[in-house]
Every structure is written in C-alpha cells, then in structure tokens.
Amino acid sequence: MTTVSTSAPLARPHEGKLAIITGASRSIGAAIARNLAAKGSNVVIVYLTENSDPLAAKLAQELNSTHGVVAIPVRADFTTAEGVQKIIHEAKKKAPINPKTGKFQVDILVHSAALFHAMPLEACNFEDFQKVYAINVWGPINLTQAVKQYLPTDRSGRIVNVSSVGSKVGLQYLTIYGGSKGALEAMTRTWARELAEQATVNCINPGSTMTDMYRDANPAAKEANALFNPLVPLSPLREWDTEEQRKFGEMYGGRVAYPEEIAGIVGMICSPESAWMTGCLVSANGGQWMSS
C-alpha cells in the first residue's frame, strides 16, 4: 500500500535540483531565483539584454555565496532556436548532474520574462502585437519544447507560468498584453495534460508589483488599475511598508505587491507538497481576482 508522508518538509527540499528561470536578473524573476536557491536549487538565470549583465552576475554571486548553490547567468533570446540551445548548453556545461538520476535534469522551469504593453485600443498595432506575443507566448513554448526531454520522468517536475491579473479582470489598455497572458493561461492547462508524467504545470496571475515594469508603466495604466484598489482586500497600506510603496500607495489608493510575495507563491507551487495540483491558475494579486 502506498503511504503519503505527513512529516515536516525539509528546509532545503530542492537540494541538488536545477531551476531555469526567465527574466531572472531583476524584479519578480530575481525574487523567484532567491526563493528557490534558499531551498537548495541550483539556478539558471536567463535574461535578454547586455545591460542586465552586471545584475545577473551579481545575483549569481549572491546565490552562490549565500546559499551554496550553482547559479548560472545566461544572456539569451529564448524566442529563437539559437537562444534556447544556448540556455541548455550552458546549463549542461555548468550545472551539477541530478544526484538521484545521475543525469542532467531540469526540475523546475519558471516563465517569468514578459514584455508589458499598455495602450488604448486605437493605438494598438501589428508590430507591437508581434513583439509582445513573441516574448510572452512563443518564448515559453519555445523554451519548454527544448526543456521537455530533460524533465523528470516521475511527475516531480514543476513548470510555473507567470501570467497577469489583467487577463481576468479586464484592465483598460491591456488589449495586447492581457491577451498574451490569456494565451499563457490556456497553454498551462494544455501542458498540464501533455506533460503529466513529467511535471505539474501551473500558473499565477500577479497584479501590479513593485518592479521596474510597474515603475515605468504608463500613468494611465496605473490609474486604471487603481480603480480596483477599494475592492482589493490586501491593498491598504501598513506602517511597515517601504517609503516607495507608501508614495505610490498614497497616489493610487493602495499598495502593490512586493516581488518577494509573488516569489513565495511560486515557491509554494514548486514544493513537493504541491504534487497533486496541476493546470491551476493561482491568485497572486492580493484578492484583486479571487480563484474560483
């Protein structure tokens, strides 16, 4: 008879595992890398631009010195065949083999990279559509295709897609961006069936988060999102919030998420205890959209 352990989880449940995280040099992606590294996972820090080289190198050094894991920064365009081949090549070359299988294995894949777009309907154009969908939709497909053969064969793998609350609540100006995230959510359910013997596949939908993407967003988009704040249970400011949060919160009527709060939800999904959950969209937005 099969029994399920009810003992307390290990402090480092991902010891010896390997996680590939896109958009990992900063913001939510970097917070996810820190969360998983703290639990023992080696990490491939995937990022796109040369400008992020110093950030990725610094993060890799931090994860190695703080948590004793192997952290591998890889600058690559994961929308291209050459880009995903580079990610796999660098991971194979520098990451330790899996201690259980004795082979190269990708245990966790997190699609966190995204290109934000907020424009009125009449300002949307095909060029922007192509750019956003290339990164937000094709990129995850392309990288998952490349990683598939290296996933576990015992259902212990974890794939987490980072969507957006905008695809659910109908935020203004998100015709292209919200549509791309809706596609990612649909892909999550499809992959949950296709990859069931290898990994669980789940999705989270953060609301506004204190990242460079939010800081640089069109003020009109921030104002449109702020209309929801009176209905978001966790949006009121608290005395321990940062000065930056308080500034934006007072301007827009409520605070946004910290990247670490989003990373914590990803960490929960990646845990061994979450093995019986797949194909789900998990609320990660303070209650702006509540899972049903």
C-alpha atoms as a PDB file:
ATOM      1  CA  MET A   1       0.000   0.000   0.000  1.00  0.00           C
ATOM      2  CA  THR A   2       1.306   3.462  -0.888  1.00  0.00           C
ATOM      3  CA  THR A   3       1.604   5.871   2.006  1.00  0.00           C
ATOM      4  CA  VAL A   4       1.890   9.640   1.947  1.00  0.00           C
ATOM      5  CA  SER A   5       4.398  11.215   4.307  1.00  0.00           C
ATOM      6  CA  THR A   6       2.995  13.714   6.784  1.00  0.00           C
ATOM      7  CA  SER A   7       6.348  14.674   8.252  1.00  0.00           C
ATOM      8  CA  ALA A   8       7.557  18.267   8.291  1.00  0.00           C
ATOM      9  CA  PRO A   9       9.040  19.402   4.950  1.00  0.00           C
ATOM     10  CA  LEU A  10      12.803  19.684   4.611  1.00  0.00           C
ATOM     11  CA  ALA A  11      14.304  23.149   4.930  1.00  0.00           C
ATOM     12  CA  ARG A  12      16.012  22.639   1.548  1.00  0.00           C
ATOM     13  CA  PRO A  13      13.557  20.449  -0.379  1.00  0.00           C
ATOM     14  CA  HIS A  14      15.168  21.294  -3.735  1.00  0.00           C
ATOM     15  CA  GLU A  15      18.685  20.211  -2.793  1.00  0.00           C
ATOM     16  CA  GLY A  16      20.512  19.156  -5.954  1.00  0.00           C
ATOM     17  CA  LYS A  17      17.703  20.177  -8.290  1.00  0.00           C
ATOM     18  CA  LEU A  18      18.008  22.610 -11.196  1.00  0.00           C
ATOM     19  CA  ALA A  19      15.679  25.507 -11.954  1.00  0.00           C
ATOM     20  CA  ILE A  20      15.625  27.560 -15.144  1.00  0.00           C
ATOM     21  CA  ILE A  21      14.013  30.979 -14.660  1.00  0.00           C
ATOM     22  CA  THR A  22      13.482  33.527 -17.428  1.00  0.00           C
ATOM     23  CA  GLY A  23      13.553  37.232 -16.694  1.00  0.00           C
ATOM     24  CA  ALA A  24      15.602  36.337 -13.639  1.00  0.00           C
ATOM     25  CA  SER A  25      18.129  39.161 -13.487  1.00  0.00           C
ATOM     26  CA  ARG A  26      15.691  41.526 -11.759  1.00  0.00           C
ATOM     27  CA  SER A  27      12.296  42.053 -10.158  1.00  0.00           C
ATOM     28  CA  ILE A  28       9.954  39.043  -9.806  1.00  0.00           C
ATOM     29  CA  GLY A  29      12.321  36.689 -11.628  1.00  0.00           C
ATOM     30  CA  ALA A  30      15.219  37.545  -9.312  1.00  0.00           C
ATOM     31  CA  ALA A  31      12.978  37.114  -6.262  1.00  0.00           C
ATOM     32  CA  ILE A  32      11.960  33.655  -7.525  1.00  0.00           C
ATOM     33  CA  ALA A  33      15.623  32.752  -8.034  1.00  0.00           C
ATOM     34  CA  ARG A  34      16.380  33.761  -4.428  1.00  0.00           C
ATOM     35  CA  ASN A  35      13.407  31.788  -3.107  1.00  0.00           C
ATOM     36  CA  LEU A  36      14.351  28.567  -4.892  1.00  0.00           C
ATOM     37  CA  ALA A  37      18.075  28.914  -4.181  1.00  0.00           C
ATOM     38  CA  ALA A  38      17.332  29.297  -0.473  1.00  0.00           C
ATOM     39  CA  LYS A  39      15.662  25.883  -0.708  1.00  0.00           C
ATOM     40  CA  GLY A  40      18.706  24.264  -2.288  1.00  0.00           C
ATOM     41  CA  SER A  41      18.017  24.559  -6.003  1.00  0.00           C
ATOM     42  CA  ASN A  42      20.751  25.370  -8.491  1.00  0.00           C
ATOM     43  CA  VAL A  43      19.551  28.147 -10.755  1.00  0.00           C
ATOM     44  CA  VAL A  44      19.949  29.210 -14.386  1.00  0.00           C
ATOM     45  CA  ILE A  45      19.390  32.971 -14.521  1.00  0.00           C
ATOM     46  CA  VAL A  46      18.058  33.696 -18.022  1.00  0.00           C
ATOM     47  CA  TYR A  47      17.940  37.316 -19.189  1.00  0.00           C
ATOM     48  CA  LEU A  48      17.815  39.120 -22.516  1.00  0.00           C
ATOM     49  CA  THR A  49      19.937  42.273 -22.706  1.00  0.00           C
ATOM     50  CA  GLU A  50      23.580  43.200 -22.288  1.00  0.00           C
ATOM     51  CA  ASN A  51      22.527  45.940 -19.873  1.00  0.00           C
ATOM     52  CA  SER A  52      21.479  43.218 -17.428  1.00  0.00           C
ATOM     53  CA  ASP A  53      24.905  41.528 -17.425  1.00  0.00           C
ATOM     54  CA  PRO A  54      26.030  43.193 -14.155  1.00  0.00           C
ATOM     55  CA  LEU A  55      22.727  42.457 -12.401  1.00  0.00           C
ATOM     56  CA  ALA A  56      22.747  38.803 -13.423  1.00  0.00           C
ATOM     57  CA  ALA A  57      26.402  38.344 -12.424  1.00  0.00           C
ATOM     58  CA  LYS A  58      25.796  39.991  -9.060  1.00  0.00           C
ATOM     59  CA  LEU A  59      22.726  37.843  -8.392  1.00  0.00           C
ATOM     60  CA  ALA A  60      24.596  34.667  -9.322  1.00  0.00           C
ATOM     61  CA  GLN A  61      27.408  35.560  -6.921  1.00  0.00           C
ATOM     62  CA  GLU A  62      24.880  36.322  -4.178  1.00  0.00           C
ATOM     63  CA  LEU A  63      23.075  32.994  -4.571  1.00  0.00           C
ATOM     64  CA  ASN A  64      26.326  31.068  -4.602  1.00  0.00           C
ATOM     65  CA  SER A  65      27.795  32.752  -1.528  1.00  0.00           C
ATOM     66  CA  THR A  66      24.564  32.905   0.472  1.00  0.00           C
ATOM     67  CA  HIS A  67      23.075  29.502  -0.320  1.00  0.00           C
ATOM     68  CA  GLY A  68      25.963  27.445  -1.657  1.00  0.00           C
ATOM     69  CA  VAL A  69      24.201  26.653  -4.923  1.00  0.00           C
ATOM     70  CA  VAL A  70      25.409  26.830  -8.505  1.00  0.00           C
ATOM     71  CA  ALA A  71      23.937  29.914 -10.185  1.00  0.00           C
ATOM     72  CA  ILE A  72      24.479  30.299 -13.922  1.00  0.00           C
ATOM     73  CA  PRO A  73      23.725  33.616 -15.659  1.00  0.00           C
ATOM     74  CA  VAL A  74      22.845  33.147 -19.335  1.00  0.00           C
ATOM     75  CA  ARG A  75      22.083  36.032 -21.675  1.00  0.00           C
ATOM     76  CA  ALA A  76      19.904  34.554 -24.416  1.00  0.00           C
ATOM     77  CA  ASP A  77      16.874  35.321 -26.547  1.00  0.00           C
ATOM     78  CA  PHE A  78      14.594  32.432 -25.675  1.00  0.00           C
ATOM     79  CA  THR A  79      12.295  33.245 -28.607  1.00  0.00           C
ATOM     80  CA  THR A  80      14.926  31.860 -31.008  1.00  0.00           C
ATOM     81  CA  ALA A  81      16.261  28.366 -31.605  1.00  0.00           C
ATOM     82  CA  GLU A  82      19.794  29.611 -31.011  1.00  0.00           C
ATOM     83  CA  GLY A  83      18.763  31.219 -27.726  1.00  0.00           C
ATOM     84  CA  VAL A  84      17.203  28.109 -26.179  1.00  0.00           C
ATOM     85  CA  GLN A  85      20.101  25.981 -27.410  1.00  0.00           C
ATOM     86  CA  LYS A  86      22.467  28.338 -25.599  1.00  0.00           C
ATOM     87  CA  ILE A  87      20.447  28.066 -22.374  1.00  0.00           C
ATOM     88  CA  ILE A  88      20.546  24.261 -22.479  1.00  0.00           C
ATOM     89  CA  HIS A  89      24.218  24.185 -23.469  1.00  0.00           C
ATOM     90  CA  GLU A  90      25.285  26.482 -20.603  1.00  0.00           C
ATOM     91  CA  ALA A  91      23.147  24.586 -18.099  1.00  0.00           C
ATOM     92  CA  LYS A  92      24.558  21.228 -19.198  1.00  0.00           C
ATOM     93  CA  LYS A  93      28.109  22.549 -19.063  1.00  0.00           C
ATOM     94  CA  LYS A  94      27.954  24.231 -15.648  1.00  0.00           C
ATOM     95  CA  ALA A  95      25.152  22.679 -13.588  1.00  0.00           C
ATOM     96  CA  PRO A  96      25.748  19.549 -11.495  1.00  0.00           C
ATOM     97  CA  ILE A  97      24.066  16.352 -12.619  1.00  0.00           C
ATOM     98  CA  ASN A  98      20.971  15.309 -10.729  1.00  0.00           C
ATOM     99  CA  PRO A  99      22.048  13.334  -7.625  1.00  0.00           C
ATOM    100  CA  LYS A 100      19.166  10.857  -7.953  1.00  0.00           C
ATOM    101  CA  THR A 101      19.304  10.084 -11.664  1.00  0.00           C
ATOM    102  CA  GLY A 102      22.976  10.745 -12.352  1.00  0.00           C
ATOM    103  CA  LYS A 103      21.938  12.686 -15.455  1.00  0.00           C
ATOM    104  CA  PHE A 104      21.359  16.273 -16.495  1.00  0.00           C
ATOM    105  CA  GLN A 105      17.833  17.163 -15.434  1.00  0.00           C
ATOM    106  CA  VAL A 106      15.698  20.303 -15.345  1.00  0.00           C
ATOM    107  CA  ASP A 107      13.434  20.008 -12.321  1.00  0.00           C
ATOM    108  CA  ILE A 108      11.835  23.447 -12.319  1.00  0.00           C
ATOM    109  CA  LEU A 109      11.021  25.809 -15.186  1.00  0.00           C
ATOM    110  CA  VAL A 110       9.594  29.255 -14.467  1.00  0.00           C
ATOM    111  CA  HIS A 111       8.454  31.513 -17.292  1.00  0.00           C
ATOM    112  CA  SER A 112       8.730  34.929 -15.659  1.00  0.00           C
ATOM    113  CA  ALA A 113      10.015  37.111 -18.504  1.00  0.00           C
ATOM    114  CA  ALA A 114       7.437  39.363 -20.105  1.00  0.00           C
ATOM    115  CA  LEU A 115       7.088  42.424 -22.292  1.00  0.00           C
ATOM    116  CA  PHE A 116       4.488  44.853 -20.934  1.00  0.00           C
ATOM    117  CA  HIS A 117       2.236  46.813 -23.272  1.00  0.00           C
ATOM    118  CA  ALA A 118      -0.460  49.291 -22.260  1.00  0.00           C
ATOM    119  CA  MET A 119      -2.141  51.315 -24.989  1.00  0.00           C
ATOM    120  CA  PRO A 120      -5.704  52.275 -25.934  1.00  0.00           C
ATOM    121  CA  LEU A 121      -7.352  50.028 -28.492  1.00  0.00           C
ATOM    122  CA  GLU A 122      -6.950  52.548 -31.302  1.00  0.00           C
ATOM    123  CA  ALA A 123      -3.196  52.769 -30.680  1.00  0.00           C
ATOM    124  CA  CYS A 124      -2.550  49.009 -30.919  1.00  0.00           C
ATOM    125  CA  ASN A 125      -0.619  47.888 -33.977  1.00  0.00           C
ATOM    126  CA  PHE A 126       0.629  44.670 -35.532  1.00  0.00           C
ATOM    127  CA  GLU A 127       4.293  45.389 -34.807  1.00  0.00           C
ATOM    128  CA  ASP A 128       3.619  45.703 -31.064  1.00  0.00           C
ATOM    129  CA  PHE A 129       1.416  42.598 -31.198  1.00  0.00           C
ATOM    130  CA  GLN A 130       4.242  40.580 -32.712  1.00  0.00           C
ATOM    131  CA  LYS A 131       6.805  41.820 -30.176  1.00  0.00           C
ATOM    132  CA  VAL A 132       4.620  41.107 -27.145  1.00  0.00           C
ATOM    133  CA  TYR A 133       3.391  37.702 -28.317  1.00  0.00           C
ATOM    134  CA  ALA A 134       6.904  36.643 -29.309  1.00  0.00           C
ATOM    135  CA  ILE A 135       8.151  37.075 -25.736  1.00  0.00           C
ATOM    136  CA  ASN A 136       5.003  36.356 -23.730  1.00  0.00           C
ATOM    137  CA  VAL A 137       3.648  33.404 -25.748  1.00  0.00           C
ATOM    138  CA  TRP A 138       6.134  31.971 -28.225  1.00  0.00           C
ATOM    139  CA  GLY A 139       9.074  32.293 -25.806  1.00  0.00           C
ATOM    140  CA  PRO A 140       7.552  29.953 -23.205  1.00  0.00           C
ATOM    141  CA  ILE A 141       6.530  27.491 -25.938  1.00  0.00           C
ATOM    142  CA  ASN A 142       9.995  27.520 -27.474  1.00  0.00           C
ATOM    143  CA  LEU A 143      11.884  27.052 -24.203  1.00  0.00           C
ATOM    144  CA  THR A 144       9.501  24.399 -22.885  1.00  0.00           C
ATOM    145  CA  GLN A 145       9.960  22.434 -26.102  1.00  0.00           C
ATOM    146  CA  ALA A 146      13.733  22.495 -25.554  1.00  0.00           C
ATOM    147  CA  VAL A 147      13.486  21.563 -21.868  1.00  0.00           C
ATOM    148  CA  LYS A 148      10.890  18.804 -22.277  1.00  0.00           C
ATOM    149  CA  GLN A 149      13.382  15.983 -22.884  1.00  0.00           C
ATOM    150  CA  TYR A 150      15.253  16.899 -19.693  1.00  0.00           C
ATOM    151  CA  LEU A 151      12.255  17.000 -17.352  1.00  0.00           C
ATOM    152  CA  PRO A 152      11.901  14.297 -14.672  1.00  0.00           C
ATOM    153  CA  THR A 153      10.007  11.136 -15.549  1.00  0.00           C
ATOM    154  CA  ASP A 154       8.336  10.699 -12.144  1.00  0.00           C
ATOM    155  CA  ARG A 155       5.987  13.717 -12.092  1.00  0.00           C
ATOM    156  CA  SER A 156       8.319  15.581  -9.710  1.00  0.00           C
ATOM    157  CA  GLY A 157       8.968  18.403 -12.178  1.00  0.00           C
ATOM    158  CA  ARG A 158       7.424  21.830 -11.799  1.00  0.00           C
ATOM    159  CA  ILE A 159       6.558  24.344 -14.500  1.00  0.00           C
ATOM    160  CA  VAL A 160       5.179  27.712 -13.418  1.00  0.00           C
ATOM    161  CA  ASN A 161       3.886  30.299 -15.882  1.00  0.00           C
ATOM    162  CA  VAL A 162       3.664  33.892 -14.691  1.00  0.00           C
ATOM    163  CA  SER A 163       0.523  35.455 -16.157  1.00  0.00           C
ATOM    164  CA  SER A 164      -1.238  38.659 -15.073  1.00  0.00           C
ATOM    165  CA  VAL A 165      -4.451  39.571 -13.305  1.00  0.00           C
ATOM    166  CA  GLY A 166      -5.110  41.788 -16.324  1.00  0.00           C
ATOM    167  CA  SER A 167      -6.258  38.814 -18.363  1.00  0.00           C
ATOM    168  CA  LYS A 168      -9.036  38.119 -15.838  1.00  0.00           C
ATOM    169  CA  VAL A 169     -10.363  41.439 -14.612  1.00  0.00           C
ATOM    170  CA  GLY A 170     -10.374  43.341 -17.899  1.00  0.00           C
ATOM    171  CA  LEU A 171      -7.981  46.190 -17.142  1.00  0.00           C
ATOM    172  CA  GLN A 172      -8.132  49.038 -19.623  1.00  0.00           C
ATOM    173  CA  TYR A 173      -5.343  49.421 -22.193  1.00  0.00           C
ATOM    174  CA  LEU A 174      -4.234  45.765 -21.959  1.00  0.00           C
ATOM    175  CA  THR A 175      -5.668  44.529 -25.267  1.00  0.00           C
ATOM    176  CA  ILE A 176      -2.342  43.066 -26.400  1.00  0.00           C
ATOM    177  CA  TYR A 177      -0.667  42.320 -23.070  1.00  0.00           C
ATOM    178  CA  GLY A 178      -3.773  40.859 -21.415  1.00  0.00           C
ATOM    179  CA  GLY A 179      -4.466  38.778 -24.495  1.00  0.00           C
ATOM    180  CA  SER A 180      -0.952  37.334 -24.444  1.00  0.00           C
ATOM    181  CA  LYS A 181      -1.336  36.358 -20.796  1.00  0.00           C
ATOM    182  CA  GLY A 182      -4.687  34.733 -21.505  1.00  0.00           C
ATOM    183  CA  ALA A 183      -2.899  32.595 -24.078  1.00  0.00           C
ATOM    184  CA  LEU A 184      -0.296  31.623 -21.467  1.00  0.00           C
ATOM    185  CA  GLU A 185      -3.076  30.503 -19.119  1.00  0.00           C
ATOM    186  CA  ALA A 186      -4.601  28.338 -21.850  1.00  0.00           C
ATOM    187  CA  MET A 187      -1.194  26.814 -22.543  1.00  0.00           C
ATOM    188  CA  THR A 188      -0.882  25.980 -18.846  1.00  0.00           C
ATOM    189  CA  ARG A 189      -3.963  23.760 -18.959  1.00  0.00           C
ATOM    190  CA  THR A 190      -2.848  22.071 -22.170  1.00  0.00           C
ATOM    191  CA  TRP A 191       0.653  21.351 -20.849  1.00  0.00           C
ATOM    192  CA  ALA A 192      -0.771  20.044 -17.580  1.00  0.00           C
ATOM    193  CA  ARG A 193      -2.244  17.177 -19.618  1.00  0.00           C
ATOM    194  CA  GLU A 194       0.578  16.739 -22.130  1.00  0.00           C
ATOM    195  CA  LEU A 195       3.360  16.720 -19.527  1.00  0.00           C
ATOM    196  CA  ALA A 196       1.515  14.948 -16.709  1.00  0.00           C
ATOM    197  CA  GLU A 197       4.063  12.137 -16.349  1.00  0.00           C
ATOM    198  CA  GLN A 198       6.919  14.622 -16.080  1.00  0.00           C
ATOM    199  CA  ALA A 199       5.770  17.746 -14.281  1.00  0.00           C
ATOM    200  CA  THR A 200       2.898  19.660 -12.809  1.00  0.00           C
ATOM    201  CA  VAL A 201       2.122  22.826 -14.758  1.00  0.00           C
ATOM    202  CA  ASN A 202       0.511  25.747 -13.007  1.00  0.00           C
ATOM    203  CA  CYS A 203       0.105  29.473 -13.482  1.00  0.00           C
ATOM    204  CA  ILE A 204      -0.034  32.525 -11.231  1.00  0.00           C
ATOM    205  CA  ASN A 205      -1.600  35.884 -12.041  1.00  0.00           C
ATOM    206  CA  PRO A 206       0.110  38.729 -10.182  1.00  0.00           C
ATOM    207  CA  GLY A 207      -1.433  42.130 -10.032  1.00  0.00           C
ATOM    208  CA  SER A 208       0.707  45.253 -10.013  1.00  0.00           C
ATOM    209  CA  THR A 209       4.052  44.588  -8.342  1.00  0.00           C
ATOM    210  CA  MET A 210       6.795  46.996  -7.316  1.00  0.00           C
ATOM    211  CA  THR A 211       9.098  46.290 -10.246  1.00  0.00           C
ATOM    212  CA  ASP A 212      10.735  48.324 -12.993  1.00  0.00           C
ATOM    213  CA  MET A 213       7.847  47.301 -15.257  1.00  0.00           C
ATOM    214  CA  TYR A 214       5.376  48.917 -12.860  1.00  0.00           C
ATOM    215  CA  ARG A 215       7.532  51.979 -12.185  1.00  0.00           C
ATOM    216  CA  ASP A 216       7.876  52.652 -15.920  1.00  0.00           C
ATOM    217  CA  ALA A 217       4.269  51.855 -16.826  1.00  0.00           C
ATOM    218  CA  ASN A 218       2.041  54.415 -18.475  1.00  0.00           C
ATOM    219  CA  PRO A 219       0.410  56.563 -15.720  1.00  0.00           C
ATOM    220  CA  ALA A 220      -2.969  55.968 -17.365  1.00  0.00           C
ATOM    221  CA  ALA A 221      -2.486  52.213 -16.890  1.00  0.00           C
ATOM    222  CA  LYS A 222      -1.642  52.744 -13.204  1.00  0.00           C
ATOM    223  CA  GLU A 223      -4.745  54.890 -12.777  1.00  0.00           C
ATOM    224  CA  ALA A 224      -6.938  52.271 -14.478  1.00  0.00           C
ATOM    225  CA  ASN A 225      -5.603  49.597 -12.156  1.00  0.00           C
ATOM    226  CA  ALA A 226      -6.082  51.874  -9.144  1.00  0.00           C
ATOM    227  CA  LEU A 227      -9.850  51.840  -9.732  1.00  0.00           C
ATOM    228  CA  PHE A 228      -9.815  48.292  -8.337  1.00  0.00           C
ATOM    229  CA  ASN A 229      -7.956  49.157  -5.127  1.00  0.00           C
ATOM    230  CA  PRO A 230     -11.040  49.808  -2.957  1.00  0.00           C
ATOM    231  CA  LEU A 231     -12.071  46.199  -3.705  1.00  0.00           C
ATOM    232  CA  VAL A 232      -8.639  44.589  -3.177  1.00  0.00           C
ATOM    233  CA  PRO A 233      -8.581  43.226   0.403  1.00  0.00           C
ATOM    234  CA  LEU A 234      -4.806  43.406   0.843  1.00  0.00           C
ATOM    235  CA  SER A 235      -4.164  46.779  -0.823  1.00  0.00           C
ATOM    236  CA  PRO A 236      -4.381  49.116   2.215  1.00  0.00           C
ATOM    237  CA  LEU A 237      -1.010  50.481   3.307  1.00  0.00           C
ATOM    238  CA  ARG A 238       0.586  49.369   6.565  1.00  0.00           C
ATOM    239  CA  GLU A 239       3.067  51.252   8.716  1.00  0.00           C
ATOM    240  CA  TRP A 240       5.873  48.837   7.825  1.00  0.00           C
ATOM    241  CA  ASP A 241       5.552  49.355   4.070  1.00  0.00           C
ATOM    242  CA  THR A 242       8.531  50.894   2.325  1.00  0.00           C
ATOM    243  CA  GLU A 243       8.732  54.583   1.550  1.00  0.00           C
ATOM    244  CA  GLU A 244       8.348  53.824  -2.145  1.00  0.00           C
ATOM    245  CA  GLN A 245       5.237  51.737  -1.515  1.00  0.00           C
ATOM    246  CA  ARG A 246       3.752  54.483   0.619  1.00  0.00           C
ATOM    247  CA  LYS A 247       4.407  57.079  -2.064  1.00  0.00           C
ATOM    248  CA  PHE A 248       2.699  55.049  -4.795  1.00  0.00           C
ATOM    249  CA  GLY A 249       0.011  53.859  -2.387  1.00  0.00           C
ATOM    250  CA  GLU A 250      -0.983  57.347  -1.388  1.00  0.00           C
ATOM    251  CA  MET A 251      -1.016  58.373  -5.042  1.00  0.00           C
ATOM    252  CA  TYR A 252      -3.115  55.442  -6.265  1.00  0.00           C
ATOM    253  CA  GLY A 253      -5.146  54.485  -3.211  1.00  0.00           C
ATOM    254  CA  GLY A 254      -3.405  51.263  -2.201  1.00  0.00           C
ATOM    255  CA  ARG A 255      -0.155  49.383  -2.290  1.00  0.00           C
ATOM    256  CA  VAL A 256       1.029  46.849  -4.846  1.00  0.00           C
ATOM    257  CA  ALA A 257       2.825  43.545  -4.253  1.00  0.00           C
ATOM    258  CA  TYR A 258       6.462  43.131  -3.322  1.00  0.00           C
ATOM    259  CA  PRO A 259       8.358  40.792  -5.679  1.00  0.00           C
ATOM    260  CA  GLU A 260       9.106  38.512  -2.714  1.00  0.00           C
ATOM    261  CA  GLU A 261       5.384  37.997  -2.137  1.00  0.00           C
ATOM    262  CA  ILE A 262       4.956  36.751  -5.699  1.00  0.00           C
ATOM    263  CA  ALA A 263       8.057  34.567  -5.386  1.00  0.00           C
ATOM    264  CA  GLY A 264       6.614  32.971  -2.250  1.00  0.00           C
ATOM    265  CA  ILE A 265       3.589  31.758  -4.171  1.00  0.00           C
ATOM    266  CA  VAL A 266       5.811  30.325  -6.905  1.00  0.00           C
ATOM    267  CA  GLY A 267       7.863  28.632  -4.189  1.00  0.00           C
ATOM    268  CA  MET A 268       4.710  27.051  -2.781  1.00  0.00           C
ATOM    269  CA  ILE A 269       3.750  25.666  -6.198  1.00  0.00           C
ATOM    270  CA  CYS A 270       7.258  24.245  -6.694  1.00  0.00           C
ATOM    271  CA  SER A 271       7.268  22.445  -3.351  1.00  0.00           C
ATOM    272  CA  PRO A 272       6.957  18.640  -3.169  1.00  0.00           C
ATOM    273  CA  GLU A 273       3.767  19.139  -1.134  1.00  0.00           C
ATOM    274  CA  SER A 274       2.079  20.678  -4.205  1.00  0.00           C
ATOM    275  CA  ALA A 275       2.336  17.469  -6.228  1.00  0.00           C
ATOM    276  CA  TRP A 276      -1.460  16.994  -6.512  1.00  0.00           C
ATOM    277  CA  MET A 277      -2.086  20.374  -8.158  1.00  0.00           C
ATOM    278  CA  THR A 278      -1.800  20.912 -11.892  1.00  0.00           C
ATOM    279  CA  GLY A 279      -3.482  23.009 -14.563  1.00  0.00           C
ATOM    280  CA  CYS A 280      -4.393  25.653 -11.994  1.00  0.00           C
ATOM    281  CA  LEU A 281      -4.433  29.434 -12.103  1.00  0.00           C
ATOM    282  CA  VAL A 282      -3.384  30.572  -8.635  1.00  0.00           C
ATOM    283  CA  SER A 283      -4.358  34.037  -7.429  1.00  0.00           C
ATOM    284  CA  ALA A 284      -1.297  36.158  -6.636  1.00  0.00           C
ATOM    285  CA  ASN A 285      -2.779  39.632  -6.553  1.00  0.00           C
ATOM    286  CA  GLY A 286      -3.935  40.450  -3.032  1.00  0.00           C
ATOM    287  CA  GLY A 287      -7.513  39.463  -3.868  1.00  0.00           C
ATOM    288  CA  GLN A 288      -7.981  41.653  -6.962  1.00  0.00           C
ATOM    289  CA  TRP A 289      -9.120  38.427  -8.616  1.00  0.00           C
ATOM    290  CA  MET A 290     -10.122  35.577  -6.368  1.00  0.00           C
ATOM    291  CA  SER A 291      -9.642  31.995  -7.551  1.00  0.00           C
ATOM    292  CA  SER A 292     -12.931  30.200  -8.100  1.00  0.00           C
END
